[in-house]
Amino acid sequence: MPLLSVRNLQTRFATDRGIVRAVNGVSFDLEEGEVLGLVGESGSGKSVTALSIMRLVPEPPGKVTADSLTLEGTDLLRLSEADAREIRGSRMAMIFQDPMRSLNPVLTIGRQLTEVLRRHQKLSGTAARRRAIELLETVGIPMAEKRLAAYPHQFSGGMRQRVMIAIALSCNPRLLIADEATTALDVTIQAQIIDLVKRLQRERGTSVIWISHDLGVVAGLCDRVNVMYAGNVVETAPIRELFHRPSHGYTLGLMGSTPRVDGSGTARLTPIEGMPPNLIDPIPLCPFLPRCRVSVPACQARPPERREFGVGHWASCLADLAK
């Protein structure tokens, strides 16, 4: 049985202009110890998918439904808010993009770490402090005991992100979701954070959903990738298969607009022209059709069907990109 099973996940937001269809029938499984990438441009539904899984979408204006959304067999959508809070602290955790917004600026790092440990692990004050020091040392923060008394503004961006990882890992979650966890960091710190997550995932066997628009980061970290566009998973594949044989026009567009530093690929980047689709009044055909460079006449006649291109490799595309 997979650790996380998602079937037909849909998330809607009621606005003055109409219903925004942010997530449209997303389905996937996450195995134990697997690192799954969610990639796509801003507005593709990656973060909303993660927030829906974490039960962090405010209702109203949001509304989350699914045929099935289970973590280790527990139906997440049937939980009370109190039970959902307990699971968020103990069995699944999330690292957000901006640690300065996620950390409380008026509480010390030590207070924020020990609060989680005392609530979810039921540790005493002394035991929680000792465990907090261990966690800061685990994520590579020097002079950990002294840094417990520091406030978030006294840490660099990379160090704040390490603190967020320490808080997320404090209760040994089975599932860790990282939402653009390295986007605001320089490339050196990015590499350190990615290596840290790799090491912790390998040592603890934690399953990870890594959300990013950076295909280079995803290539070096993930086992498998879901490509999202307009709230849909338009392609899913093992990481090597995806890069060697992209099978959806949007995946091809993402790769063509990504800089390469290894000397391969085309010298000139090819941008994806046009604008993201209207999620209030979507077209009944492929949502990427107005921006697609590889569409075929059939794309104008019917919605794309989900086709298999290899073991574990599916794409909702009518074009044959292998030709």
C-alpha atoms as a PDB file:
ATOM      1  CA  MET A   1       0.000   0.000   0.000  1.00  0.00           C
ATOM      2  CA  PRO A   2       1.409   3.441  -0.894  1.00  0.00           C
ATOM      3  CA  LEU A   3       2.163   5.879   1.904  1.00  0.00           C
ATOM      4  CA  LEU A   4      -0.008   8.577   0.296  1.00  0.00           C
ATOM      5  CA  SER A   5      -2.816   7.922  -2.161  1.00  0.00           C
ATOM      6  CA  VAL A   6      -4.570  10.761  -3.991  1.00  0.00           C
ATOM      7  CA  ARG A   7      -7.534  10.112  -6.279  1.00  0.00           C
ATOM      8  CA  ASN A   8      -9.438  12.796  -8.188  1.00  0.00           C
ATOM      9  CA  LEU A   9      -8.393  15.654  -5.904  1.00  0.00           C
ATOM     10  CA  GLN A  10     -10.265  18.859  -6.733  1.00  0.00           C
ATOM     11  CA  THR A  11      -9.914  22.257  -5.094  1.00  0.00           C
ATOM     12  CA  ARG A  12     -12.216  25.174  -5.887  1.00  0.00           C
ATOM     13  CA  PHE A  13     -12.230  28.770  -4.653  1.00  0.00           C
ATOM     14  CA  ALA A  14     -15.345  30.945  -4.667  1.00  0.00           C
ATOM     15  CA  THR A  15     -14.573  34.486  -5.892  1.00  0.00           C
ATOM     16  CA  ASP A  16     -16.611  37.487  -7.003  1.00  0.00           C
ATOM     17  CA  ARG A  17     -15.845  36.602 -10.611  1.00  0.00           C
ATOM     18  CA  GLY A  18     -16.781  32.949 -10.332  1.00  0.00           C
ATOM     19  CA  ILE A  19     -15.415  29.581  -9.211  1.00  0.00           C
ATOM     20  CA  VAL A  20     -11.649  29.214  -9.642  1.00  0.00           C
ATOM     21  CA  ARG A  21     -10.800  25.591 -10.484  1.00  0.00           C
ATOM     22  CA  ALA A  22      -7.320  25.519  -8.961  1.00  0.00           C
ATOM     23  CA  VAL A  23      -6.890  21.729  -8.877  1.00  0.00           C
ATOM     24  CA  ASN A  24      -8.735  19.518 -11.355  1.00  0.00           C
ATOM     25  CA  GLY A  25      -8.824  15.793 -10.685  1.00  0.00           C
ATOM     26  CA  VAL A  26      -5.233  15.188  -9.580  1.00  0.00           C
ATOM     27  CA  SER A  27      -4.373  11.535  -8.882  1.00  0.00           C
ATOM     28  CA  PHE A  28      -1.088   9.934  -7.826  1.00  0.00           C
ATOM     29  CA  ASP A  29       0.528   7.596  -5.291  1.00  0.00           C
ATOM     30  CA  LEU A  30       3.616   8.238  -3.184  1.00  0.00           C
ATOM     31  CA  GLU A  31       5.566   5.222  -2.022  1.00  0.00           C
ATOM     32  CA  GLU A  32       7.535   4.947   1.210  1.00  0.00           C
ATOM     33  CA  GLY A  33      10.950   6.591   0.896  1.00  0.00           C
ATOM     34  CA  GLU A  34      10.141   8.064  -2.541  1.00  0.00           C
ATOM     35  CA  VAL A  35      10.893  11.633  -3.596  1.00  0.00           C
ATOM     36  CA  LEU A  36       8.207  12.951  -5.952  1.00  0.00           C
ATOM     37  CA  GLY A  37       8.632  16.232  -7.812  1.00  0.00           C
ATOM     38  CA  LEU A  38       5.740  18.551  -8.662  1.00  0.00           C
ATOM     39  CA  VAL A  39       6.811  20.964 -11.395  1.00  0.00           C
ATOM     40  CA  GLY A  40       5.089  23.679 -13.369  1.00  0.00           C
ATOM     41  CA  GLU A  41       4.908  27.444 -13.719  1.00  0.00           C
ATOM     42  CA  SER A  42       3.300  29.730 -11.150  1.00  0.00           C
ATOM     43  CA  GLY A  43      -0.451  29.142 -11.031  1.00  0.00           C
ATOM     44  CA  SER A  44      -0.264  25.550 -12.234  1.00  0.00           C
ATOM     45  CA  GLY A  45      -1.728  24.188  -8.996  1.00  0.00           C
ATOM     46  CA  LYS A  46       1.381  22.775  -7.289  1.00  0.00           C
ATOM     47  CA  SER A  47       1.107  24.640  -3.996  1.00  0.00           C
ATOM     48  CA  VAL A  48      -2.675  24.319  -3.795  1.00  0.00           C
ATOM     49  CA  THR A  49      -2.320  20.560  -4.271  1.00  0.00           C
ATOM     50  CA  ALA A  50       0.114  20.459  -1.326  1.00  0.00           C
ATOM     51  CA  LEU A  51      -2.070  22.677   0.857  1.00  0.00           C
ATOM     52  CA  SER A  52      -5.080  20.496   0.048  1.00  0.00           C
ATOM     53  CA  ILE A  53      -3.205  17.368   1.137  1.00  0.00           C
ATOM     54  CA  MET A  54      -2.121  19.128   4.338  1.00  0.00           C
ATOM     55  CA  ARG A  55      -5.710  20.275   5.050  1.00  0.00           C
ATOM     56  CA  LEU A  56      -4.533  23.907   5.043  1.00  0.00           C
ATOM     57  CA  VAL A  57      -6.988  25.294   2.462  1.00  0.00           C
ATOM     58  CA  PRO A  58      -9.408  27.636   4.280  1.00  0.00           C
ATOM     59  CA  GLU A  59     -13.039  26.581   3.807  1.00  0.00           C
ATOM     60  CA  PRO A  60     -14.649  28.893   2.735  1.00  0.00           C
ATOM     61  CA  PRO A  61     -13.666  30.301   0.264  1.00  0.00           C
ATOM     62  CA  GLY A  62     -11.960  27.031  -0.663  1.00  0.00           C
ATOM     63  CA  LYS A  63     -13.577  23.632  -1.122  1.00  0.00           C
ATOM     64  CA  VAL A  64     -11.525  20.424  -1.302  1.00  0.00           C
ATOM     65  CA  THR A  65     -13.017  17.153  -2.513  1.00  0.00           C
ATOM     66  CA  ALA A  66     -11.528  13.822  -3.582  1.00  0.00           C
ATOM     67  CA  ASP A  67     -12.615  10.289  -4.314  1.00  0.00           C
ATOM     68  CA  SER A  68      -9.812   9.258  -1.965  1.00  0.00           C
ATOM     69  CA  LEU A  69      -7.089  11.106  -0.028  1.00  0.00           C
ATOM     70  CA  THR A  70      -5.347   8.757   2.402  1.00  0.00           C
ATOM     71  CA  LEU A  71      -2.114   8.799   4.391  1.00  0.00           C
ATOM     72  CA  GLU A  72      -1.156   5.313   5.603  1.00  0.00           C
ATOM     73  CA  GLY A  73      -4.793   4.353   5.216  1.00  0.00           C
ATOM     74  CA  THR A  74      -6.173   7.354   7.131  1.00  0.00           C
ATOM     75  CA  ASP A  75      -8.779   9.340   5.187  1.00  0.00           C
ATOM     76  CA  LEU A  76      -7.488  12.895   5.559  1.00  0.00           C
ATOM     77  CA  LEU A  77     -10.680  14.572   4.358  1.00  0.00           C
ATOM     78  CA  ARG A  78     -12.799  12.866   7.013  1.00  0.00           C
ATOM     79  CA  LEU A  79     -10.672  14.071   9.921  1.00  0.00           C
ATOM     80  CA  SER A  80     -11.871  16.760  12.300  1.00  0.00           C
ATOM     81  CA  GLU A  81      -9.769  19.926  12.395  1.00  0.00           C
ATOM     82  CA  ALA A  82      -8.286  18.869  15.742  1.00  0.00           C
ATOM     83  CA  ASP A  83      -7.281  15.451  14.383  1.00  0.00           C
ATOM     84  CA  ALA A  84      -5.869  17.070  11.230  1.00  0.00           C
ATOM     85  CA  ARG A  85      -3.670  19.323  13.406  1.00  0.00           C
ATOM     86  CA  GLU A  86      -2.311  16.290  15.243  1.00  0.00           C
ATOM     87  CA  ILE A  87      -1.455  14.496  11.986  1.00  0.00           C
ATOM     88  CA  ARG A  88       0.155  17.653  10.548  1.00  0.00           C
ATOM     89  CA  GLY A  89       2.495  17.761  13.491  1.00  0.00           C
ATOM     90  CA  SER A  90       3.333  14.104  13.821  1.00  0.00           C
ATOM     91  CA  ARG A  91       2.871  12.239  10.525  1.00  0.00           C
ATOM     92  CA  MET A  92       3.202  14.901   7.842  1.00  0.00           C
ATOM     93  CA  ALA A  93       4.926  18.276   7.736  1.00  0.00           C
ATOM     94  CA  MET A  94       5.515  21.086   5.265  1.00  0.00           C
ATOM     95  CA  ILE A  95       8.421  23.448   4.532  1.00  0.00           C
ATOM     96  CA  PHE A  96       7.226  26.718   3.038  1.00  0.00           C
ATOM     97  CA  GLN A  97       8.994  28.952   0.521  1.00  0.00           C
ATOM     98  CA  ASP A  98       9.605  31.963   2.776  1.00  0.00           C
ATOM     99  CA  PRO A  99      10.894  31.012   6.244  1.00  0.00           C
ATOM    100  CA  MET A 100      10.730  34.634   7.434  1.00  0.00           C
ATOM    101  CA  ARG A 101       6.957  34.531   6.984  1.00  0.00           C
ATOM    102  CA  SER A 102       6.636  31.059   8.494  1.00  0.00           C
ATOM    103  CA  LEU A 103       8.676  31.734  11.647  1.00  0.00           C
ATOM    104  CA  ASN A 104       7.234  33.946  14.380  1.00  0.00           C
ATOM    105  CA  PRO A 105       9.466  37.061  14.491  1.00  0.00           C
ATOM    106  CA  VAL A 106       8.822  37.763  18.206  1.00  0.00           C
ATOM    107  CA  LEU A 107       9.622  34.264  19.504  1.00  0.00           C
ATOM    108  CA  THR A 108      13.074  32.738  19.796  1.00  0.00           C
ATOM    109  CA  ILE A 109      14.053  29.820  17.612  1.00  0.00           C
ATOM    110  CA  GLY A 110      14.265  27.662  20.713  1.00  0.00           C
ATOM    111  CA  ARG A 111      10.726  28.553  21.780  1.00  0.00           C
ATOM    112  CA  GLN A 112       9.332  27.704  18.360  1.00  0.00           C
ATOM    113  CA  LEU A 113      11.153  24.358  18.219  1.00  0.00           C
ATOM    114  CA  THR A 114      10.360  23.249  21.752  1.00  0.00           C
ATOM    115  CA  GLU A 115       6.701  24.238  21.400  1.00  0.00           C
ATOM    116  CA  VAL A 116       6.281  21.686  18.610  1.00  0.00           C
ATOM    117  CA  LEU A 117       8.109  19.006  20.588  1.00  0.00           C
ATOM    118  CA  ARG A 118       6.134  19.580  23.766  1.00  0.00           C
ATOM    119  CA  ARG A 119       2.806  19.536  21.924  1.00  0.00           C
ATOM    120  CA  HIS A 120       3.283  16.550  19.640  1.00  0.00           C
ATOM    121  CA  GLN A 121       5.994  14.507  21.383  1.00  0.00           C
ATOM    122  CA  LYS A 122       4.799  15.308  24.930  1.00  0.00           C
ATOM    123  CA  LEU A 123       8.384  16.041  26.001  1.00  0.00           C
ATOM    124  CA  SER A 124       9.246  17.878  29.198  1.00  0.00           C
ATOM    125  CA  GLY A 125      10.889  21.289  28.996  1.00  0.00           C
ATOM    126  CA  THR A 126      14.392  19.888  29.529  1.00  0.00           C
ATOM    127  CA  ALA A 127      13.918  16.990  27.111  1.00  0.00           C
ATOM    128  CA  ALA A 128      12.418  19.303  24.472  1.00  0.00           C
ATOM    129  CA  ARG A 129      15.371  21.686  24.764  1.00  0.00           C
ATOM    130  CA  ARG A 130      17.843  18.813  24.415  1.00  0.00           C
ATOM    131  CA  ARG A 131      15.995  17.494  21.377  1.00  0.00           C
ATOM    132  CA  ALA A 132      15.882  21.003  19.837  1.00  0.00           C
ATOM    133  CA  ILE A 133      19.665  21.259  20.107  1.00  0.00           C
ATOM    134  CA  GLU A 134      20.028  17.858  18.402  1.00  0.00           C
ATOM    135  CA  LEU A 135      17.747  18.950  15.564  1.00  0.00           C
ATOM    136  CA  LEU A 136      19.658  22.190  14.942  1.00  0.00           C
ATOM    137  CA  GLU A 137      22.909  20.217  14.875  1.00  0.00           C
ATOM    138  CA  THR A 138      21.342  17.714  12.473  1.00  0.00           C
ATOM    139  CA  VAL A 139      20.484  20.446   9.964  1.00  0.00           C
ATOM    140  CA  GLY A 140      23.971  21.948  10.200  1.00  0.00           C
ATOM    141  CA  ILE A 141      23.496  25.013  12.415  1.00  0.00           C
ATOM    142  CA  PRO A 142      26.708  25.720  14.368  1.00  0.00           C
ATOM    143  CA  MET A 143      26.696  26.565  18.097  1.00  0.00           C
ATOM    144  CA  ALA A 144      23.199  25.115  18.269  1.00  0.00           C
ATOM    145  CA  GLU A 145      22.722  25.591  22.004  1.00  0.00           C
ATOM    146  CA  LYS A 146      23.510  29.304  21.810  1.00  0.00           C
ATOM    147  CA  ARG A 147      21.343  29.803  18.724  1.00  0.00           C
ATOM    148  CA  LEU A 148      18.242  28.635  20.598  1.00  0.00           C
ATOM    149  CA  ALA A 149      18.072  32.087  22.177  1.00  0.00           C
ATOM    150  CA  ALA A 150      18.270  33.887  18.814  1.00  0.00           C
ATOM    151  CA  TYR A 151      15.348  35.371  16.881  1.00  0.00           C
ATOM    152  CA  PRO A 152      14.613  34.674  13.186  1.00  0.00           C
ATOM    153  CA  HIS A 153      15.970  38.050  12.005  1.00  0.00           C
ATOM    154  CA  GLN A 154      19.361  37.113  13.484  1.00  0.00           C
ATOM    155  CA  PHE A 155      19.695  34.208  11.027  1.00  0.00           C
ATOM    156  CA  SER A 156      20.581  34.313   7.343  1.00  0.00           C
ATOM    157  CA  GLY A 157      18.037  33.111   4.757  1.00  0.00           C
ATOM    158  CA  GLY A 158      19.734  29.741   4.455  1.00  0.00           C
ATOM    159  CA  MET A 159      19.914  29.296   8.221  1.00  0.00           C
ATOM    160  CA  ARG A 160      16.237  30.211   8.588  1.00  0.00           C
ATOM    161  CA  GLN A 161      15.370  27.572   6.023  1.00  0.00           C
ATOM    162  CA  ARG A 162      17.417  25.050   7.998  1.00  0.00           C
ATOM    163  CA  VAL A 163      15.414  25.968  11.094  1.00  0.00           C
ATOM    164  CA  MET A 164      12.205  25.353   9.142  1.00  0.00           C
ATOM    165  CA  ILE A 165      13.520  21.934   8.117  1.00  0.00           C
ATOM    166  CA  ALA A 166      14.412  21.192  11.741  1.00  0.00           C
ATOM    167  CA  ILE A 167      10.869  22.114  12.851  1.00  0.00           C
ATOM    168  CA  ALA A 168       9.348  20.028  10.044  1.00  0.00           C
ATOM    169  CA  LEU A 169      11.478  17.004  10.980  1.00  0.00           C
ATOM    170  CA  SER A 170      11.118  17.421  14.724  1.00  0.00           C
ATOM    171  CA  CYS A 171       8.442  14.747  15.064  1.00  0.00           C
ATOM    172  CA  ASN A 172       9.880  12.357  12.450  1.00  0.00           C
ATOM    173  CA  PRO A 173       7.039  12.747   9.913  1.00  0.00           C
ATOM    174  CA  ARG A 174       6.364  10.015   7.394  1.00  0.00           C
ATOM    175  CA  LEU A 175       5.624  12.626   4.718  1.00  0.00           C
ATOM    176  CA  LEU A 176       7.536  15.861   4.123  1.00  0.00           C
ATOM    177  CA  ILE A 177       6.273  18.434   1.606  1.00  0.00           C
ATOM    178  CA  ALA A 178       8.738  21.132   0.521  1.00  0.00           C
ATOM    179  CA  ASP A 179       7.115  24.032  -1.345  1.00  0.00           C
ATOM    180  CA  GLU A 180       9.759  25.957  -3.324  1.00  0.00           C
ATOM    181  CA  ALA A 181      12.035  25.488  -0.318  1.00  0.00           C
ATOM    182  CA  THR A 182      15.165  26.804  -2.062  1.00  0.00           C
ATOM    183  CA  THR A 183      13.730  29.403  -4.451  1.00  0.00           C
ATOM    184  CA  ALA A 184      14.738  32.488  -2.458  1.00  0.00           C
ATOM    185  CA  LEU A 185      18.266  31.219  -1.713  1.00  0.00           C
ATOM    186  CA  ASP A 186      21.484  31.647  -3.667  1.00  0.00           C
ATOM    187  CA  VAL A 187      22.764  28.634  -5.572  1.00  0.00           C
ATOM    188  CA  THR A 188      25.387  27.652  -2.982  1.00  0.00           C
ATOM    189  CA  ILE A 189      22.850  27.564  -0.167  1.00  0.00           C
ATOM    190  CA  GLN A 190      20.377  25.827  -2.484  1.00  0.00           C
ATOM    191  CA  ALA A 191      22.858  22.997  -2.991  1.00  0.00           C
ATOM    192  CA  GLN A 192      23.448  22.690   0.757  1.00  0.00           C
ATOM    193  CA  ILE A 193      19.703  22.529   1.517  1.00  0.00           C
ATOM    194  CA  ILE A 194      19.128  19.935  -1.229  1.00  0.00           C
ATOM    195  CA  ASP A 195      22.020  17.798   0.050  1.00  0.00           C
ATOM    196  CA  LEU A 196      20.579  18.080   3.557  1.00  0.00           C
ATOM    197  CA  VAL A 197      17.122  16.925   2.450  1.00  0.00           C
ATOM    198  CA  LYS A 198      18.693  14.055   0.474  1.00  0.00           C
ATOM    199  CA  ARG A 199      20.670  12.920   3.509  1.00  0.00           C
ATOM    200  CA  LEU A 200      17.760  13.147   5.914  1.00  0.00           C
ATOM    201  CA  GLN A 201      15.450  11.375   3.471  1.00  0.00           C
ATOM    202  CA  ARG A 202      18.008   8.586   3.011  1.00  0.00           C
ATOM    203  CA  GLU A 203      18.706   8.194   6.747  1.00  0.00           C
ATOM    204  CA  ARG A 204      15.098   8.427   7.950  1.00  0.00           C
ATOM    205  CA  GLY A 205      13.247   6.919   4.985  1.00  0.00           C
ATOM    206  CA  THR A 206      10.918   9.912   4.835  1.00  0.00           C
ATOM    207  CA  SER A 207       8.771  10.283   1.721  1.00  0.00           C
ATOM    208  CA  VAL A 208       9.122  13.722   0.127  1.00  0.00           C
ATOM    209  CA  ILE A 209       7.012  15.812  -2.241  1.00  0.00           C
ATOM    210  CA  TRP A 210       9.335  18.462  -3.678  1.00  0.00           C
ATOM    211  CA  ILE A 211       7.502  21.373  -5.331  1.00  0.00           C
ATOM    212  CA  SER A 212       9.561  23.479  -7.720  1.00  0.00           C
ATOM    213  CA  HIS A 213       9.652  25.263 -11.053  1.00  0.00           C
ATOM    214  CA  ASP A 214      13.401  24.498 -11.312  1.00  0.00           C
ATOM    215  CA  LEU A 215      13.893  21.387 -13.426  1.00  0.00           C
ATOM    216  CA  GLY A 216      17.596  21.286 -12.560  1.00  0.00           C
ATOM    217  CA  VAL A 217      16.864  20.926  -8.846  1.00  0.00           C
ATOM    218  CA  VAL A 218      14.197  18.313  -9.529  1.00  0.00           C
ATOM    219  CA  ALA A 219      16.573  16.311 -11.740  1.00  0.00           C
ATOM    220  CA  GLY A 220      19.122  16.018  -8.958  1.00  0.00           C
ATOM    221  CA  LEU A 221      16.708  15.166  -6.161  1.00  0.00           C
ATOM    222  CA  CYS A 222      13.565  13.353  -7.300  1.00  0.00           C
ATOM    223  CA  ASP A 223      12.810   9.758  -8.253  1.00  0.00           C
ATOM    224  CA  ARG A 224       9.663  10.638 -10.185  1.00  0.00           C
ATOM    225  CA  VAL A 225       7.977  13.801 -11.473  1.00  0.00           C
ATOM    226  CA  ASN A 226       4.419  15.026 -11.939  1.00  0.00           C
ATOM    227  CA  VAL A 227       4.208  17.906 -14.428  1.00  0.00           C
ATOM    228  CA  MET A 228       1.269  20.189 -13.615  1.00  0.00           C
ATOM    229  CA  TYR A 229      -0.538  22.697 -15.795  1.00  0.00           C
ATOM    230  CA  ALA A 230      -3.847  24.501 -15.116  1.00  0.00           C
ATOM    231  CA  GLY A 231      -4.525  22.322 -12.073  1.00  0.00           C
ATOM    232  CA  ASN A 232      -3.961  19.060 -13.959  1.00  0.00           C
ATOM    233  CA  VAL A 233      -1.167  16.497 -13.930  1.00  0.00           C
ATOM    234  CA  VAL A 234      -0.424  16.476 -17.652  1.00  0.00           C
ATOM    235  CA  GLU A 235       2.552  14.103 -17.479  1.00  0.00           C
ATOM    236  CA  THR A 236       4.119  11.773 -14.931  1.00  0.00           C
ATOM    237  CA  ALA A 237       7.295   9.738 -15.354  1.00  0.00           C
ATOM    238  CA  PRO A 238      10.432   8.473 -13.634  1.00  0.00           C
ATOM    239  CA  ILE A 239      12.984  11.281 -13.624  1.00  0.00           C
ATOM    240  CA  ARG A 240      15.345   9.868 -16.273  1.00  0.00           C
ATOM    241  CA  GLU A 241      12.469   8.896 -18.544  1.00  0.00           C
ATOM    242  CA  LEU A 242      10.970  12.379 -18.345  1.00  0.00           C
ATOM    243  CA  PHE A 243      14.185  14.107 -19.394  1.00  0.00           C
ATOM    244  CA  HIS A 244      15.031  11.595 -22.110  1.00  0.00           C
ATOM    245  CA  ARG A 245      11.535  11.385 -23.583  1.00  0.00           C
ATOM    246  CA  PRO A 246       9.190  14.256 -22.674  1.00  0.00           C
ATOM    247  CA  SER A 247       5.757  13.340 -24.043  1.00  0.00           C
ATOM    248  CA  HIS A 248       3.603  16.432 -23.489  1.00  0.00           C
ATOM    249  CA  GLY A 249       3.856  19.784 -25.254  1.00  0.00           C
ATOM    250  CA  TYR A 250       4.058  21.625 -21.924  1.00  0.00           C
ATOM    251  CA  THR A 251       6.905  19.452 -20.604  1.00  0.00           C
ATOM    252  CA  LEU A 252       8.749  20.075 -23.856  1.00  0.00           C
ATOM    253  CA  GLY A 253       8.150  23.804 -23.432  1.00  0.00           C
ATOM    254  CA  LEU A 254       9.472  23.780 -19.866  1.00  0.00           C
ATOM    255  CA  MET A 255      12.656  22.058 -20.945  1.00  0.00           C
ATOM    256  CA  GLY A 256      13.139  24.404 -23.878  1.00  0.00           C
ATOM    257  CA  SER A 257      12.874  27.447 -21.608  1.00  0.00           C
ATOM    258  CA  THR A 258      15.275  26.137 -18.951  1.00  0.00           C
ATOM    259  CA  PRO A 259      18.925  27.318 -19.061  1.00  0.00           C
ATOM    260  CA  ARG A 260      21.559  24.593 -19.377  1.00  0.00           C
ATOM    261  CA  VAL A 261      25.064  24.914 -17.952  1.00  0.00           C
ATOM    262  CA  ASP A 262      26.465  21.623 -19.223  1.00  0.00           C
ATOM    263  CA  GLY A 263      26.911  22.768 -22.812  1.00  0.00           C
ATOM    264  CA  SER A 264      24.151  20.548 -24.169  1.00  0.00           C
ATOM    265  CA  GLY A 265      20.852  21.577 -25.643  1.00  0.00           C
ATOM    266  CA  THR A 266      20.167  24.597 -27.792  1.00  0.00           C
ATOM    267  CA  ALA A 267      22.127  27.776 -27.294  1.00  0.00           C
ATOM    268  CA  ARG A 268      19.015  29.953 -27.371  1.00  0.00           C
ATOM    269  CA  LEU A 269      16.166  29.535 -24.897  1.00  0.00           C
ATOM    270  CA  THR A 270      12.690  29.053 -26.329  1.00  0.00           C
ATOM    271  CA  PRO A 271      10.064  30.786 -24.167  1.00  0.00           C
ATOM    272  CA  ILE A 272       6.540  29.460 -23.786  1.00  0.00           C
ATOM    273  CA  GLU A 273       4.507  32.167 -25.489  1.00  0.00           C
ATOM    274  CA  GLY A 274       1.078  33.287 -24.362  1.00  0.00           C
ATOM    275  CA  MET A 275      -0.546  33.454 -20.948  1.00  0.00           C
ATOM    276  CA  PRO A 276      -1.694  30.791 -18.455  1.00  0.00           C
ATOM    277  CA  PRO A 277      -5.312  29.712 -18.970  1.00  0.00           C
ATOM    278  CA  ASN A 278      -8.386  31.158 -17.318  1.00  0.00           C
ATOM    279  CA  LEU A 279      -9.208  28.826 -14.401  1.00  0.00           C
ATOM    280  CA  ILE A 280     -12.692  30.295 -14.017  1.00  0.00           C
ATOM    281  CA  ASP A 281     -13.856  29.500 -17.544  1.00  0.00           C
ATOM    282  CA  PRO A 282     -11.510  26.785 -18.890  1.00  0.00           C
ATOM    283  CA  ILE A 283     -11.654  25.572 -22.462  1.00  0.00           C
ATOM    284  CA  PRO A 284     -13.109  22.047 -22.936  1.00  0.00           C
ATOM    285  CA  LEU A 285     -10.021  20.885 -24.838  1.00  0.00           C
ATOM    286  CA  CYS A 286      -6.388  20.594 -23.739  1.00  0.00           C
ATOM    287  CA  PRO A 287      -5.693  23.592 -21.451  1.00  0.00           C
ATOM    288  CA  PHE A 288      -2.259  24.047 -23.025  1.00  0.00           C
ATOM    289  CA  LEU A 289      -3.593  24.095 -26.593  1.00  0.00           C
ATOM    290  CA  PRO A 290      -3.443  27.913 -27.134  1.00  0.00           C
ATOM    291  CA  ARG A 291       0.285  27.932 -26.235  1.00  0.00           C
ATOM    292  CA  CYS A 292       1.343  24.572 -27.662  1.00  0.00           C
ATOM    293  CA  ARG A 293       3.955  24.367 -30.454  1.00  0.00           C
ATOM    294  CA  VAL A 294       3.415  20.674 -31.208  1.00  0.00           C
ATOM    295  CA  SER A 295      -0.388  20.424 -31.393  1.00  0.00           C
ATOM    296  CA  VAL A 296      -1.984  18.261 -34.078  1.00  0.00           C
ATOM    297  CA  PRO A 297      -5.402  18.645 -35.768  1.00  0.00           C
ATOM    298  CA  ALA A 298      -6.964  16.161 -33.340  1.00  0.00           C
ATOM    299  CA  CYS A 299      -6.208  18.580 -30.471  1.00  0.00           C
ATOM    300  CA  GLN A 300      -8.830  20.975 -31.889  1.00  0.00           C
ATOM    301  CA  ALA A 301     -11.481  18.254 -31.942  1.00  0.00           C
ATOM    302  CA  ARG A 302     -11.380  16.438 -28.607  1.00  0.00           C
ATOM    303  CA  PRO A 303      -9.862  16.550 -25.121  1.00  0.00           C
ATOM    304  CA  PRO A 304      -6.530  14.757 -24.680  1.00  0.00           C
ATOM    305  CA  GLU A 305      -6.590  11.163 -23.566  1.00  0.00           C
ATOM    306  CA  ARG A 306      -4.196   9.773 -20.978  1.00  0.00           C
ATOM    307  CA  ARG A 307      -1.697   7.583 -22.817  1.00  0.00           C
ATOM    308  CA  GLU A 308       1.098   5.322 -21.611  1.00  0.00           C
ATOM    309  CA  PHE A 309       4.563   5.946 -23.061  1.00  0.00           C
ATOM    310  CA  GLY A 310       6.592   3.586 -20.889  1.00  0.00           C
ATOM    311  CA  VAL A 311       6.652   1.927 -17.477  1.00  0.00           C
ATOM    312  CA  GLY A 312       5.200   4.488 -15.078  1.00  0.00           C
ATOM    313  CA  HIS A 313       5.207   7.127 -17.840  1.00  0.00           C
ATOM    314  CA  TRP A 314       1.841   8.703 -18.721  1.00  0.00           C
ATOM    315  CA  ALA A 315       0.891  11.897 -20.503  1.00  0.00           C
ATOM    316  CA  SER A 316      -2.384  13.540 -21.498  1.00  0.00           C
ATOM    317  CA  CYS A 317      -1.354  14.513 -25.012  1.00  0.00           C
ATOM    318  CA  LEU A 318      -2.538  13.647 -28.524  1.00  0.00           C
ATOM    319  CA  ALA A 319       0.706  14.626 -30.260  1.00  0.00           C
ATOM    320  CA  ASP A 320       3.355  11.987 -30.894  1.00  0.00           C
ATOM    321  CA  LEU A 321       6.560  13.709 -29.754  1.00  0.00           C
ATOM    322  CA  ALA A 322       8.659  10.616 -30.409  1.00  0.00           C
ATOM    323  CA  LYS A 323       8.510  11.214 -34.162  1.00  0.00           C
END
